[in-house]
Amino acid sequence: METNSPYPPRWCDRPRNQKSAQELHPKSSKPMKPHKPTPQASRAKQEAARRHARKRTLGVLYTVLAVEIVMAIFTSPVFAVKQVTVSGLEGLTAHERATIEKQITLAPQTNFLTVGTGRLQKQLLAYMELKQTEVSRQLPNIIAVTVTPRTLFACVSLRKGEAEFHHYEVDAQGFPIRLTAQPTPRLPHLVSAQNVTPIAGKPLNDLALTQTLALLKSADSGLMSRIEKIVIAPQGNLCLNMSDG
């Protein structure tokens, strides 16, 4: 490139890696002064801060009030259980009635809303003599219990050991109701040689027994009155003993 040219240098003649003076020394800009808020903006900001603080205070107060109301409901004697009623105990023995009444007895000042009706209903179903139970709340402050006892149909003697038998009263489906010291009079008597363990709320796990009970259920009343005992052999054979000899 000629340095003694009478013409001014062109932009394309400048080396690519050489920057212009304007690029090397840009004009310095003076910093801008911060904007001063107006009185109206300051008042609006303060009012917004006051509203936020007021809402936060009201929220805390409402929360405390709600907690106080809930505690009053669950601790006030006004909401305590005043009475527990039970119906359907007819047909049960005096001991069974007393046991069930004791089971549904609640502690003094028990809150009406905290009574576990489902838990109490499940506890009552653990008794063999009960077929159905229902526990509900009734206003004002009453816990109502309704039980349905199982209906006696027969007495089953189950072998325990070589010569020992345990006697159970059962319903028509073979659900055990109660253990008795002796076979119950005026009920069909079934004797099983099978080793069966009765479980509350479940029928006897013996096919021959359940089939025999089904046959007795379909028999006419005249035949039922003359049946004295039915013995079920280990092989499943039935031996029928009639009261007329």
Protein backbone atom coordinates (compact mmCIF):
# COMPACT_ATOMS: atom_id res chain seq x y z
CA MET A 1 0.00 0.00 0.00
CA GLU A 2 1.32 3.47 -0.94
CA THR A 3 1.78 5.77 2.01
CA ASN A 4 2.53 8.90 0.01
CA SER A 5 -0.79 8.88 -1.88
CA PRO A 6 -2.28 12.41 -2.32
CA TYR A 7 -5.76 10.94 -1.70
CA PRO A 8 -7.21 10.31 1.75
CA PRO A 9 -7.18 6.69 2.87
CA ARG A 10 -10.19 4.61 2.03
CA TRP A 11 -11.99 2.36 4.50
CA CYS A 12 -10.99 -0.70 2.61
CA ASP A 13 -7.32 0.31 2.80
CA ARG A 14 -7.36 0.19 6.61
CA PRO A 15 -6.00 -3.02 8.07
CA ARG A 16 -8.72 -5.34 9.31
CA ASN A 17 -7.20 -5.73 12.76
CA GLN A 18 -6.90 -1.98 13.24
CA LYS A 19 -9.79 -0.22 14.88
CA SER A 20 -10.79 3.36 14.41
CA ALA A 21 -10.20 5.99 17.04
CA GLN A 22 -13.91 6.17 17.69
CA GLU A 23 -14.01 2.45 18.35
CA LEU A 24 -10.91 2.60 20.57
CA HIS A 25 -12.09 5.64 22.49
CA PRO A 26 -15.87 5.65 22.65
CA LYS A 27 -17.58 8.67 24.00
CA SER A 28 -17.97 8.49 27.73
CA SER A 29 -21.57 8.72 28.89
CA LYS A 30 -22.43 10.40 32.15
CA PRO A 31 -24.32 8.26 34.74
CA MET A 32 -28.03 9.02 35.04
CA LYS A 33 -29.29 10.34 38.31
CA PRO A 34 -31.71 7.99 40.18
CA HIS A 35 -35.35 8.85 39.74
CA LYS A 36 -36.84 10.34 42.89
CA PRO A 37 -40.32 8.87 43.66
CA THR A 38 -43.18 11.26 43.78
CA PRO A 39 -45.16 11.81 47.01
CA GLN A 40 -48.16 10.01 45.47
CA ALA A 41 -46.06 6.90 44.71
CA SER A 42 -44.62 6.89 48.24
CA ARG A 43 -48.10 7.08 49.77
CA ALA A 44 -49.35 4.24 47.52
CA LYS A 45 -46.40 2.06 48.52
CA GLN A 46 -46.99 2.71 52.22
CA GLU A 47 -50.71 1.96 51.86
CA ALA A 48 -49.93 -1.35 50.11
CA ALA A 49 -47.54 -2.29 52.93
CA ARG A 50 -50.22 -1.48 55.52
CA ARG A 51 -52.82 -3.59 53.67
CA HIS A 52 -50.42 -6.54 53.50
CA ALA A 53 -49.66 -6.29 57.24
CA ARG A 54 -53.40 -6.05 58.00
CA LYS A 55 -54.19 -9.15 55.94
CA ARG A 56 -51.40 -11.09 57.62
CA THR A 57 -52.64 -10.11 61.08
CA LEU A 58 -56.22 -11.05 60.21
CA GLY A 59 -55.03 -14.42 58.88
CA VAL A 60 -53.27 -15.20 62.15
CA LEU A 61 -56.33 -14.16 64.15
CA TYR A 62 -58.67 -16.27 62.03
CA THR A 63 -56.38 -19.29 62.43
CA VAL A 64 -56.30 -18.89 66.21
CA LEU A 65 -60.09 -18.52 66.27
CA ALA A 66 -60.58 -21.68 64.19
CA VAL A 67 -58.30 -23.67 66.51
CA GLU A 68 -60.21 -22.39 69.55
CA ILE A 69 -63.54 -23.39 68.00
CA VAL A 70 -62.31 -26.91 67.14
CA MET A 71 -60.89 -27.38 70.64
CA ALA A 72 -64.16 -26.19 72.16
CA ILE A 73 -66.14 -28.67 70.06
CA PHE A 74 -63.98 -31.64 70.99
CA THR A 75 -63.51 -30.78 74.67
CA SER A 76 -66.75 -29.11 75.71
CA PRO A 77 -69.13 -31.21 77.85
CA VAL A 78 -71.95 -29.95 75.65
CA PHE A 79 -70.79 -32.39 72.94
CA ALA A 80 -70.30 -35.36 75.30
CA VAL A 81 -72.24 -38.60 74.75
CA LYS A 82 -75.37 -38.49 76.89
CA GLN A 83 -76.69 -42.01 76.24
CA VAL A 84 -75.79 -45.34 74.63
CA THR A 85 -78.77 -47.43 73.54
CA VAL A 86 -78.67 -51.09 72.49
CA SER A 87 -81.41 -53.16 70.89
CA GLY A 88 -81.70 -56.74 69.64
CA LEU A 89 -80.39 -58.53 72.72
CA GLU A 90 -83.41 -60.83 72.89
CA GLY A 91 -82.44 -64.47 72.59
CA LEU A 92 -79.05 -64.02 74.23
CA THR A 93 -78.11 -65.34 77.64
CA ALA A 94 -77.77 -63.01 80.61
CA HIS A 95 -73.99 -63.38 80.53
CA GLU A 96 -73.86 -62.52 76.80
CA ARG A 97 -76.07 -59.46 77.28
CA ALA A 98 -73.87 -58.24 80.13
CA THR A 99 -70.70 -58.78 78.06
CA ILE A 100 -72.06 -56.82 75.10
CA GLU A 101 -73.32 -53.99 77.30
CA LYS A 102 -69.89 -53.78 78.90
CA GLN A 103 -68.24 -53.68 75.47
CA ILE A 104 -70.28 -50.66 74.36
CA THR A 105 -69.82 -48.74 77.61
CA LEU A 106 -67.98 -45.48 76.92
CA ALA A 107 -65.78 -43.48 79.25
CA PRO A 108 -67.38 -40.44 80.92
CA GLN A 109 -67.34 -37.23 78.84
CA THR A 110 -66.55 -39.13 75.63
CA ASN A 111 -67.01 -36.74 72.74
CA PHE A 112 -69.96 -37.51 70.50
CA LEU A 113 -67.97 -36.82 67.33
CA THR A 114 -64.90 -38.90 68.21
CA VAL A 115 -66.66 -42.20 68.93
CA GLY A 116 -65.22 -44.80 66.56
CA THR A 117 -68.46 -46.36 65.35
CA GLY A 118 -66.68 -48.58 62.80
CA ARG A 119 -64.18 -49.82 65.38
CA LEU A 120 -66.94 -50.56 67.91
CA GLN A 121 -68.98 -52.38 65.27
CA LYS A 122 -65.99 -54.54 64.36
CA GLN A 123 -65.38 -55.40 68.03
CA LEU A 124 -68.98 -56.57 68.44
CA LEU A 125 -68.76 -58.81 65.38
CA ALA A 126 -66.02 -60.77 67.17
CA TYR A 127 -68.74 -62.34 69.36
CA MET A 128 -69.89 -65.66 67.87
CA GLU A 129 -73.50 -65.17 68.93
CA LEU A 130 -73.96 -62.01 66.82
CA LYS A 131 -74.80 -62.19 63.12
CA GLN A 132 -74.93 -58.46 62.36
CA THR A 133 -74.16 -55.24 64.24
CA GLU A 134 -74.79 -51.57 63.50
CA VAL A 135 -73.45 -48.58 65.43
CA SER A 136 -74.62 -45.08 64.53
CA ARG A 137 -74.84 -41.54 65.91
CA GLN A 138 -78.23 -40.03 66.68
CA LEU A 139 -78.89 -36.45 67.67
CA PRO A 140 -78.74 -35.23 70.30
CA ASN A 141 -75.59 -36.97 71.61
CA ILE A 142 -76.87 -40.58 71.41
CA ILE A 143 -74.90 -43.63 70.26
CA ALA A 144 -77.34 -46.28 69.00
CA VAL A 145 -76.25 -49.94 68.83
CA THR A 146 -78.38 -52.56 67.06
CA VAL A 147 -77.37 -56.23 67.13
CA THR A 148 -78.86 -59.25 65.37
CA PRO A 149 -78.17 -62.55 67.17
CA ARG A 150 -77.79 -65.79 65.26
CA THR A 151 -80.77 -68.17 65.31
CA LEU A 152 -80.27 -71.52 67.03
CA PHE A 153 -80.73 -74.48 64.71
CA ALA A 154 -78.71 -77.45 65.97
CA CYS A 155 -76.09 -78.58 68.46
CA VAL A 156 -72.83 -79.99 67.11
CA SER A 157 -70.46 -82.11 69.17
CA LEU A 158 -66.86 -81.91 67.95
CA ARG A 159 -64.27 -84.45 69.02
CA LYS A 160 -61.40 -83.16 71.16
CA GLY A 161 -59.07 -86.02 71.99
CA GLU A 162 -59.98 -89.68 72.25
CA ALA A 163 -63.29 -89.51 74.13
CA GLU A 164 -63.81 -85.80 74.82
CA PHE A 165 -66.31 -83.66 72.91
CA HIS A 166 -66.99 -79.93 72.86
CA HIS A 167 -70.59 -78.97 72.22
CA TYR A 168 -71.48 -75.91 70.12
CA GLU A 169 -74.83 -74.44 69.29
CA VAL A 170 -74.87 -73.48 65.61
CA ASP A 171 -77.22 -71.82 63.14
CA ALA A 172 -78.53 -73.38 59.93
CA GLN A 173 -75.40 -72.37 57.97
CA GLY A 174 -73.04 -73.95 60.50
CA PHE A 175 -71.83 -70.72 62.14
CA PRO A 176 -70.93 -71.46 65.80
CA ILE A 177 -72.93 -69.45 68.33
CA ARG A 178 -71.77 -70.56 71.77
CA LEU A 179 -70.03 -73.35 73.64
CA THR A 180 -72.24 -75.39 75.97
CA ALA A 181 -71.48 -77.89 78.68
CA GLN A 182 -73.99 -80.45 77.38
CA PRO A 183 -75.92 -80.96 74.13
CA THR A 184 -78.88 -78.57 74.05
CA PRO A 185 -82.26 -80.30 74.45
CA ARG A 186 -84.92 -79.83 71.75
CA LEU A 187 -82.26 -79.17 69.11
CA PRO A 188 -81.03 -81.67 66.50
CA HIS A 189 -77.80 -83.18 67.78
CA LEU A 190 -74.94 -83.82 65.34
CA VAL A 191 -71.79 -85.66 66.39
CA SER A 192 -68.68 -85.35 64.21
CA ALA A 193 -65.53 -87.39 64.47
CA GLN A 194 -63.58 -84.79 62.51
CA ASN A 195 -61.09 -82.49 64.25
CA VAL A 196 -62.70 -79.11 63.55
CA THR A 197 -61.76 -75.83 65.27
CA PRO A 198 -64.67 -73.36 65.41
CA ILE A 199 -63.83 -69.77 64.41
CA ALA A 200 -66.05 -66.81 65.27
CA GLY A 201 -67.78 -65.39 62.21
CA LYS A 202 -66.99 -68.41 59.98
CA PRO A 203 -68.95 -71.64 59.35
CA LEU A 204 -67.55 -74.94 60.58
CA ASN A 205 -64.91 -76.19 58.17
CA ASP A 206 -66.49 -79.61 57.71
CA LEU A 207 -68.28 -80.44 54.46
CA ALA A 208 -70.20 -83.37 55.93
CA LEU A 209 -71.51 -81.16 58.75
CA THR A 210 -72.64 -78.35 56.48
CA GLN A 211 -74.34 -80.79 54.07
CA THR A 212 -76.13 -82.51 56.96
CA LEU A 213 -77.35 -79.14 58.27
CA ALA A 214 -78.65 -78.30 54.79
CA LEU A 215 -80.58 -81.60 54.71
CA LEU A 216 -82.07 -80.92 58.14
CA LYS A 217 -83.09 -77.42 57.05
CA SER A 218 -85.08 -78.84 54.14
CA ALA A 219 -86.69 -81.61 56.22
CA ASP A 220 -90.32 -81.30 57.37
CA SER A 221 -91.14 -80.46 60.97
CA GLY A 222 -92.49 -83.95 61.72
CA LEU A 223 -89.20 -85.60 60.86
CA MET A 224 -87.19 -82.94 62.68
CA SER A 225 -89.10 -83.54 65.90
CA ARG A 226 -88.22 -87.25 65.86
CA ILE A 227 -84.50 -86.91 65.09
CA GLU A 228 -82.51 -87.57 68.25
CA LYS A 229 -78.93 -87.66 67.00
CA ILE A 230 -76.93 -87.90 63.79
CA VAL A 231 -73.43 -89.33 64.00
CA ILE A 232 -71.01 -88.50 61.19
CA ALA A 233 -68.34 -91.20 60.82
CA PRO A 234 -64.75 -90.39 59.78
CA GLN A 235 -65.54 -91.74 56.29
CA GLY A 236 -68.49 -89.31 55.98
CA ASN A 237 -71.24 -91.89 56.56
CA LEU A 238 -74.27 -90.76 58.54
CA CYS A 239 -75.89 -92.75 61.35
CA LEU A 240 -79.43 -91.49 62.08
CA ASN A 241 -80.92 -92.09 65.55
CA MET A 242 -84.67 -91.54 65.84
CA SER A 243 -86.51 -90.93 69.09
CA ASP A 244 -89.21 -93.53 68.23
CA GLY A 245 -86.71 -96.40 68.38
